[in-house]
Protein backbone atom coordinates (compact mmCIF):
# COMPACT_ATOMS: atom_id res chain seq x y z
CA UNK A 1 0.00 0.00 0.00
CA UNK A 2 1.08 3.53 -0.64
CA UNK A 3 0.34 6.48 1.61
CA UNK A 4 2.78 9.30 2.28
CA UNK A 5 5.25 10.34 -0.42
CA UNK A 6 8.34 12.49 0.10
CA UNK A 7 10.14 14.04 -2.85
CA UNK A 8 13.61 15.51 -2.43
CA UNK A 9 15.18 18.18 -4.61
CA UNK A 10 18.79 19.44 -4.33
CA UNK A 11 17.80 23.06 -4.94
CA UNK A 12 17.87 26.28 -2.99
CA UNK A 13 14.92 28.74 -3.13
CA UNK A 14 15.85 32.41 -3.18
CA UNK A 15 15.13 34.69 -0.18
CA UNK A 16 12.06 36.18 -1.89
CA UNK A 17 10.53 32.70 -2.25
CA UNK A 18 11.20 31.96 1.45
CA UNK A 19 9.66 35.22 2.66
CA UNK A 20 6.42 33.62 3.94
CA UNK A 21 7.96 30.39 5.22
CA UNK A 22 8.48 29.67 8.93
CA UNK A 23 12.15 29.89 9.90
CA UNK A 24 13.26 27.38 12.53
CA UNK A 25 16.60 26.81 14.26
CA UNK A 26 17.07 23.57 16.21
CA UNK A 27 19.93 23.09 18.65
CA UNK A 28 21.37 19.57 18.73
CA UNK A 29 24.41 17.91 20.28
CA UNK A 30 26.22 18.36 16.95
CA UNK A 31 25.42 22.10 16.73
CA UNK A 32 22.50 23.99 15.24
CA UNK A 33 20.30 23.15 12.28
CA UNK A 34 18.44 25.75 10.25
CA UNK A 35 15.25 24.92 8.35
CA UNK A 36 12.30 26.61 6.69
CA UNK A 37 8.76 25.19 6.74
CA UNK A 38 5.74 25.91 4.55
CA UNK A 39 2.47 23.96 4.84
CA UNK A 40 -0.16 25.22 2.37
CA UNK A 41 -3.64 23.68 2.12
CA UNK A 42 -4.49 23.27 -1.55
CA UNK A 43 -8.21 22.42 -1.85
CA UNK A 44 -11.57 22.03 -0.10
CA UNK A 45 -10.61 18.52 1.08
CA UNK A 46 -7.91 20.20 3.19
CA UNK A 47 -4.98 18.44 1.56
CA UNK A 48 -1.85 19.82 3.20
CA UNK A 49 1.50 19.87 1.45
CA UNK A 50 4.54 19.92 3.70
CA UNK A 51 7.53 21.74 2.25
CA UNK A 52 10.81 21.75 4.17
CA UNK A 53 13.94 23.53 3.05
CA UNK A 54 17.29 22.84 4.72
CA UNK A 55 20.10 25.15 3.53
CA UNK A 56 22.79 22.62 4.54
CA UNK A 57 21.87 18.94 4.83
CA UNK A 58 24.21 16.25 6.17
CA UNK A 59 26.26 16.50 2.96
CA UNK A 60 26.47 20.33 3.20
CA UNK A 61 24.16 20.79 0.20
CA UNK A 62 20.74 22.48 0.02
CA UNK A 63 17.70 20.20 0.25
CA UNK A 64 14.06 20.99 -0.52
CA UNK A 65 11.51 18.29 0.34
CA UNK A 66 7.82 17.97 -0.47
CA UNK A 67 5.74 15.56 1.60
CA UNK A 68 2.09 14.71 0.97
CA UNK A 69 -0.49 11.99 1.42
CA UNK A 70 -1.45 10.58 -1.98
CA UNK A 71 -4.76 9.01 -0.79
CA UNK A 72 -5.78 12.34 0.76
CA UNK A 73 -4.90 14.14 -2.48
CA UNK A 74 -6.69 11.63 -4.75
CA UNK A 75 -9.64 10.44 -2.63
CA UNK A 76 -9.97 13.23 -0.07
CA UNK A 77 -9.27 10.90 2.87
CA UNK A 78 -6.41 8.96 4.46
CA UNK A 79 -8.22 5.71 5.19
CA UNK A 80 -8.50 4.53 1.57
CA UNK A 81 -5.02 3.30 0.68
CA UNK A 82 -3.58 3.03 -2.82
CA UNK A 83 -2.72 -0.56 -3.74
C-alpha atoms as a PDB file:
ATOM      1  CA  UNK A   1       0.000   0.000   0.000  1.00  0.00           C
ATOM      2  CA  UNK A   2       1.076   3.532  -0.641  1.00  0.00           C
ATOM      3  CA  UNK A   3       0.340   6.480   1.615  1.00  0.00           C
ATOM      4  CA  UNK A   4       2.784   9.304   2.280  1.00  0.00           C
ATOM      5  CA  UNK A   5       5.250  10.339  -0.418  1.00  0.00           C
ATOM      6  CA  UNK A   6       8.343  12.486   0.101  1.00  0.00           C
ATOM      7  CA  UNK A   7      10.135  14.039  -2.851  1.00  0.00           C
ATOM      8  CA  UNK A   8      13.606  15.506  -2.428  1.00  0.00           C
ATOM      9  CA  UNK A   9      15.181  18.176  -4.611  1.00  0.00           C
ATOM     10  CA  UNK A  10      18.794  19.443  -4.325  1.00  0.00           C
ATOM     11  CA  UNK A  11      17.800  23.062  -4.941  1.00  0.00           C
ATOM     12  CA  UNK A  12      17.871  26.283  -2.987  1.00  0.00           C
ATOM     13  CA  UNK A  13      14.925  28.745  -3.129  1.00  0.00           C
ATOM     14  CA  UNK A  14      15.847  32.412  -3.179  1.00  0.00           C
ATOM     15  CA  UNK A  15      15.126  34.694  -0.177  1.00  0.00           C
ATOM     16  CA  UNK A  16      12.056  36.181  -1.892  1.00  0.00           C
ATOM     17  CA  UNK A  17      10.527  32.700  -2.248  1.00  0.00           C
ATOM     18  CA  UNK A  18      11.200  31.957   1.446  1.00  0.00           C
ATOM     19  CA  UNK A  19       9.658  35.221   2.656  1.00  0.00           C
ATOM     20  CA  UNK A  20       6.421  33.618   3.939  1.00  0.00           C
ATOM     21  CA  UNK A  21       7.958  30.389   5.223  1.00  0.00           C
ATOM     22  CA  UNK A  22       8.478  29.666   8.932  1.00  0.00           C
ATOM     23  CA  UNK A  23      12.151  29.889   9.902  1.00  0.00           C
ATOM     24  CA  UNK A  24      13.263  27.381  12.532  1.00  0.00           C
ATOM     25  CA  UNK A  25      16.596  26.809  14.264  1.00  0.00           C
ATOM     26  CA  UNK A  26      17.069  23.575  16.206  1.00  0.00           C
ATOM     27  CA  UNK A  27      19.926  23.094  18.649  1.00  0.00           C
ATOM     28  CA  UNK A  28      21.372  19.572  18.733  1.00  0.00           C
ATOM     29  CA  UNK A  29      24.411  17.911  20.282  1.00  0.00           C
ATOM     30  CA  UNK A  30      26.219  18.362  16.949  1.00  0.00           C
ATOM     31  CA  UNK A  31      25.417  22.095  16.728  1.00  0.00           C
ATOM     32  CA  UNK A  32      22.502  23.992  15.238  1.00  0.00           C
ATOM     33  CA  UNK A  33      20.300  23.147  12.282  1.00  0.00           C
ATOM     34  CA  UNK A  34      18.445  25.748  10.253  1.00  0.00           C
ATOM     35  CA  UNK A  35      15.255  24.921   8.348  1.00  0.00           C
ATOM     36  CA  UNK A  36      12.298  26.610   6.695  1.00  0.00           C
ATOM     37  CA  UNK A  37       8.764  25.192   6.736  1.00  0.00           C
ATOM     38  CA  UNK A  38       5.744  25.906   4.553  1.00  0.00           C
ATOM     39  CA  UNK A  39       2.465  23.961   4.839  1.00  0.00           C
ATOM     40  CA  UNK A  40      -0.162  25.216   2.368  1.00  0.00           C
ATOM     41  CA  UNK A  41      -3.641  23.680   2.119  1.00  0.00           C
ATOM     42  CA  UNK A  42      -4.495  23.274  -1.550  1.00  0.00           C
ATOM     43  CA  UNK A  43      -8.209  22.424  -1.846  1.00  0.00           C
ATOM     44  CA  UNK A  44     -11.571  22.030  -0.105  1.00  0.00           C
ATOM     45  CA  UNK A  45     -10.610  18.517   1.076  1.00  0.00           C
ATOM     46  CA  UNK A  46      -7.910  20.201   3.191  1.00  0.00           C
ATOM     47  CA  UNK A  47      -4.977  18.436   1.563  1.00  0.00           C
ATOM     48  CA  UNK A  48      -1.851  19.818   3.196  1.00  0.00           C
ATOM     49  CA  UNK A  49       1.499  19.875   1.450  1.00  0.00           C
ATOM     50  CA  UNK A  50       4.537  19.922   3.697  1.00  0.00           C
ATOM     51  CA  UNK A  51       7.535  21.738   2.252  1.00  0.00           C
ATOM     52  CA  UNK A  52      10.806  21.753   4.169  1.00  0.00           C
ATOM     53  CA  UNK A  53      13.944  23.527   3.047  1.00  0.00           C
ATOM     54  CA  UNK A  54      17.288  22.841   4.723  1.00  0.00           C
ATOM     55  CA  UNK A  55      20.097  25.146   3.530  1.00  0.00           C
ATOM     56  CA  UNK A  56      22.787  22.624   4.544  1.00  0.00           C
ATOM     57  CA  UNK A  57      21.867  18.940   4.829  1.00  0.00           C
ATOM     58  CA  UNK A  58      24.209  16.250   6.171  1.00  0.00           C
ATOM     59  CA  UNK A  59      26.259  16.498   2.956  1.00  0.00           C
ATOM     60  CA  UNK A  60      26.465  20.332   3.200  1.00  0.00           C
ATOM     61  CA  UNK A  61      24.157  20.792   0.204  1.00  0.00           C
ATOM     62  CA  UNK A  62      20.736  22.479   0.022  1.00  0.00           C
ATOM     63  CA  UNK A  63      17.696  20.204   0.250  1.00  0.00           C
ATOM     64  CA  UNK A  64      14.059  20.988  -0.521  1.00  0.00           C
ATOM     65  CA  UNK A  65      11.511  18.285   0.335  1.00  0.00           C
ATOM     66  CA  UNK A  66       7.822  17.974  -0.469  1.00  0.00           C
ATOM     67  CA  UNK A  67       5.740  15.557   1.604  1.00  0.00           C
ATOM     68  CA  UNK A  68       2.094  14.713   0.973  1.00  0.00           C
ATOM     69  CA  UNK A  69      -0.490  11.991   1.422  1.00  0.00           C
ATOM     70  CA  UNK A  70      -1.451  10.575  -1.978  1.00  0.00           C
ATOM     71  CA  UNK A  71      -4.759   9.014  -0.791  1.00  0.00           C
ATOM     72  CA  UNK A  72      -5.782  12.336   0.757  1.00  0.00           C
ATOM     73  CA  UNK A  73      -4.904  14.142  -2.485  1.00  0.00           C
ATOM     74  CA  UNK A  74      -6.693  11.630  -4.754  1.00  0.00           C
ATOM     75  CA  UNK A  75      -9.641  10.438  -2.632  1.00  0.00           C
ATOM     76  CA  UNK A  76      -9.968  13.225  -0.075  1.00  0.00           C
ATOM     77  CA  UNK A  77      -9.272  10.904   2.873  1.00  0.00           C
ATOM     78  CA  UNK A  78      -6.409   8.961   4.455  1.00  0.00           C
ATOM     79  CA  UNK A  79      -8.223   5.714   5.186  1.00  0.00           C
ATOM     80  CA  UNK A  80      -8.495   4.526   1.574  1.00  0.00           C
ATOM     81  CA  UNK A  81      -5.020   3.295   0.677  1.00  0.00           C
ATOM     82  CA  UNK A  82      -3.576   3.033  -2.823  1.00  0.00           C
ATOM     83  CA  UNK A  83      -2.719  -0.555  -3.744  1.00  0.00           C
END
